């Protein structure tokens, strides 16, 4: 008898329940709601494997002001979005890649320059070619 009353006491001790759901289900629903808010804000989680020390530095750096802008600069310098540049997109007619490394983009322009319609280059693509040329082209100018 005392065993039953002790159990009843244990159940009533602590904060009163505000939800009929178990704690695990409450956490699951809260996480789902957070993912929906992030998705609505245009954010997603990017999981990558890094050495532990570098991952810790990245986690710290990501909380600093201006981090996203600096990361975007780095990505713009190292990876080229093919769809943003019409002539590059034409050169990639047989590729499914959405992105190319800067070195690969330069090599593609370099090997296939005869197919590039220089009069059709918009300002951003011309700027990209100039940037890639100064970085990888050893002083060779196109245009």
Protein backbone atom coordinates (compact mmCIF):
# COMPACT_ATOMS: atom_id res chain seq x y z
CA UNK A 1 0.00 0.00 0.00
CA UNK A 2 2.74 2.44 0.88
CA UNK A 3 4.43 1.53 -2.41
CA UNK A 4 1.41 2.79 -4.38
CA UNK A 5 1.14 6.05 -2.42
CA UNK A 6 4.89 6.71 -2.87
CA UNK A 7 4.54 6.20 -6.62
CA UNK A 8 1.56 8.57 -6.71
CA UNK A 9 3.60 11.18 -4.85
CA UNK A 10 6.47 10.84 -7.32
CA UNK A 11 4.12 11.47 -10.20
CA UNK A 12 2.78 14.68 -8.69
CA UNK A 13 6.09 16.15 -7.56
CA UNK A 14 7.59 18.84 -9.77
CA UNK A 15 6.21 21.20 -12.34
CA UNK A 16 2.62 20.53 -13.43
CA UNK A 17 2.18 19.21 -16.96
CA UNK A 18 1.11 21.87 -19.43
CA UNK A 19 0.73 19.48 -22.32
CA UNK A 20 -0.82 16.07 -22.73
CA UNK A 21 2.09 15.08 -24.97
CA UNK A 22 5.12 13.22 -23.68
CA UNK A 23 8.33 15.26 -23.44
CA UNK A 24 9.95 13.47 -26.40
CA UNK A 25 6.98 14.31 -28.63
CA UNK A 26 7.02 17.95 -27.47
CA UNK A 27 10.70 18.18 -28.43
CA UNK A 28 10.02 16.53 -31.80
CA UNK A 29 7.26 19.03 -32.57
CA UNK A 30 9.38 21.98 -31.44
CA UNK A 31 12.26 20.85 -33.69
CA UNK A 32 9.87 20.41 -36.63
CA UNK A 33 8.49 23.93 -36.05
CA UNK A 34 12.05 25.34 -35.89
CA UNK A 35 12.96 23.64 -39.20
CA UNK A 36 9.81 25.11 -40.77
CA UNK A 37 10.70 28.62 -39.53
CA UNK A 38 14.24 28.22 -40.87
CA UNK A 39 12.91 26.97 -44.21
CA UNK A 40 10.47 29.86 -44.47
CA UNK A 41 13.40 32.22 -43.81
CA UNK A 42 15.36 30.58 -46.64
CA UNK A 43 17.86 28.88 -44.34
CA UNK A 44 18.96 25.27 -44.30
CA UNK A 45 21.48 23.26 -42.36
CA UNK A 46 24.69 22.35 -44.21
CA UNK A 47 26.35 19.34 -42.66
CA UNK A 48 29.98 18.79 -43.56
CA UNK A 49 32.71 16.65 -42.07
CA UNK A 50 35.71 18.64 -40.86
CA UNK A 51 38.55 18.02 -38.47
CA UNK A 52 37.34 18.73 -34.94
CA UNK A 53 39.50 21.84 -34.39
CA UNK A 54 38.45 23.38 -37.70
CA UNK A 55 34.78 22.61 -37.00
CA UNK A 56 35.03 24.36 -33.64
CA UNK A 57 36.62 27.41 -35.28
CA UNK A 58 33.95 27.44 -37.97
CA UNK A 59 31.19 27.22 -35.37
CA UNK A 60 32.74 30.17 -33.50
CA UNK A 61 33.33 32.21 -36.66
CA UNK A 62 29.76 31.63 -37.85
CA UNK A 63 28.49 33.58 -34.85
CA UNK A 64 30.55 36.67 -35.66
CA UNK A 65 29.03 39.70 -37.43
CA UNK A 66 29.61 39.69 -41.18
CA UNK A 67 30.43 35.97 -41.35
CA UNK A 68 27.87 35.14 -44.03
CA UNK A 69 29.12 37.95 -46.30
CA UNK A 70 32.74 36.81 -45.93
CA UNK A 71 31.77 33.20 -46.55
CA UNK A 72 29.90 34.28 -49.70
CA UNK A 73 33.04 36.12 -50.90
CA UNK A 74 35.13 33.00 -50.37
CA UNK A 75 32.62 30.81 -52.17
CA UNK A 76 32.38 33.30 -55.06
CA UNK A 77 36.16 33.20 -55.41
CA UNK A 78 36.42 29.41 -55.25
CA UNK A 79 33.24 28.14 -56.87
CA UNK A 80 31.47 29.48 -59.94
CA UNK A 81 27.70 29.11 -60.38
CA UNK A 82 27.38 28.05 -64.00
CA UNK A 83 23.82 29.33 -64.48
CA UNK A 84 24.83 32.95 -63.69
CA UNK A 85 27.07 33.22 -66.76
CA UNK A 86 25.42 32.60 -70.16
CA UNK A 87 28.56 31.87 -72.18
CA UNK A 88 29.91 29.54 -69.50
CA UNK A 89 26.54 27.81 -69.42
CA UNK A 90 26.82 27.25 -73.19
CA UNK A 91 30.29 25.79 -72.71
CA UNK A 92 28.84 23.42 -70.11
CA UNK A 93 26.18 22.06 -72.47
CA UNK A 94 27.32 18.48 -71.78
CA UNK A 95 27.72 18.83 -68.01
CA UNK A 96 25.17 18.63 -65.26
CA UNK A 97 27.22 20.56 -62.71
CA UNK A 98 25.55 23.51 -61.07
CA UNK A 99 28.94 24.74 -59.85
CA UNK A 100 32.53 24.56 -61.10
CA UNK A 101 35.72 25.28 -59.24
CA UNK A 102 37.35 28.54 -60.31
CA UNK A 103 40.24 26.56 -61.82
CA UNK A 104 37.87 24.33 -63.80
CA UNK A 105 35.90 27.33 -65.06
CA UNK A 106 39.13 28.98 -66.24
CA UNK A 107 40.26 25.78 -67.95
CA UNK A 108 36.91 25.49 -69.71
CA UNK A 109 37.03 29.09 -70.95
CA UNK A 110 40.67 28.64 -71.97
CA UNK A 111 40.15 25.39 -73.93
CA UNK A 112 36.96 26.54 -75.61
CA UNK A 113 37.56 30.26 -76.14
CA UNK A 114 36.86 29.86 -79.86
CA UNK A 115 33.22 29.06 -78.99
CA UNK A 116 32.77 32.06 -76.67
CA UNK A 117 30.90 34.90 -78.32
CA UNK A 118 32.88 37.81 -76.86
CA UNK A 119 30.30 40.36 -78.07
CA UNK A 120 27.62 38.49 -76.08
CA UNK A 121 29.49 38.66 -72.74
CA UNK A 122 27.67 40.68 -70.12
CA UNK A 123 29.58 42.81 -67.63
CA UNK A 124 29.53 40.24 -64.83
CA UNK A 125 30.85 37.45 -67.07
CA UNK A 126 33.53 39.70 -68.51
CA UNK A 127 34.54 40.60 -64.95
CA UNK A 128 34.65 36.89 -64.07
CA UNK A 129 36.90 36.13 -67.03
CA UNK A 130 39.21 39.01 -66.13
CA UNK A 131 39.40 37.80 -62.54
CA UNK A 132 40.08 34.20 -63.59
CA UNK A 133 42.62 35.38 -66.15
CA UNK A 134 44.58 37.37 -63.58
CA UNK A 135 44.41 34.48 -61.14
CA UNK A 136 45.13 31.49 -63.40
CA UNK A 137 46.00 32.86 -66.81
CA UNK A 138 49.60 33.93 -66.28
CA UNK A 139 48.89 37.30 -67.83
CA UNK A 140 46.95 36.05 -70.86
CA UNK A 141 44.05 38.37 -71.72
CA UNK A 142 40.90 37.39 -73.62
CA UNK A 143 38.38 39.64 -75.15
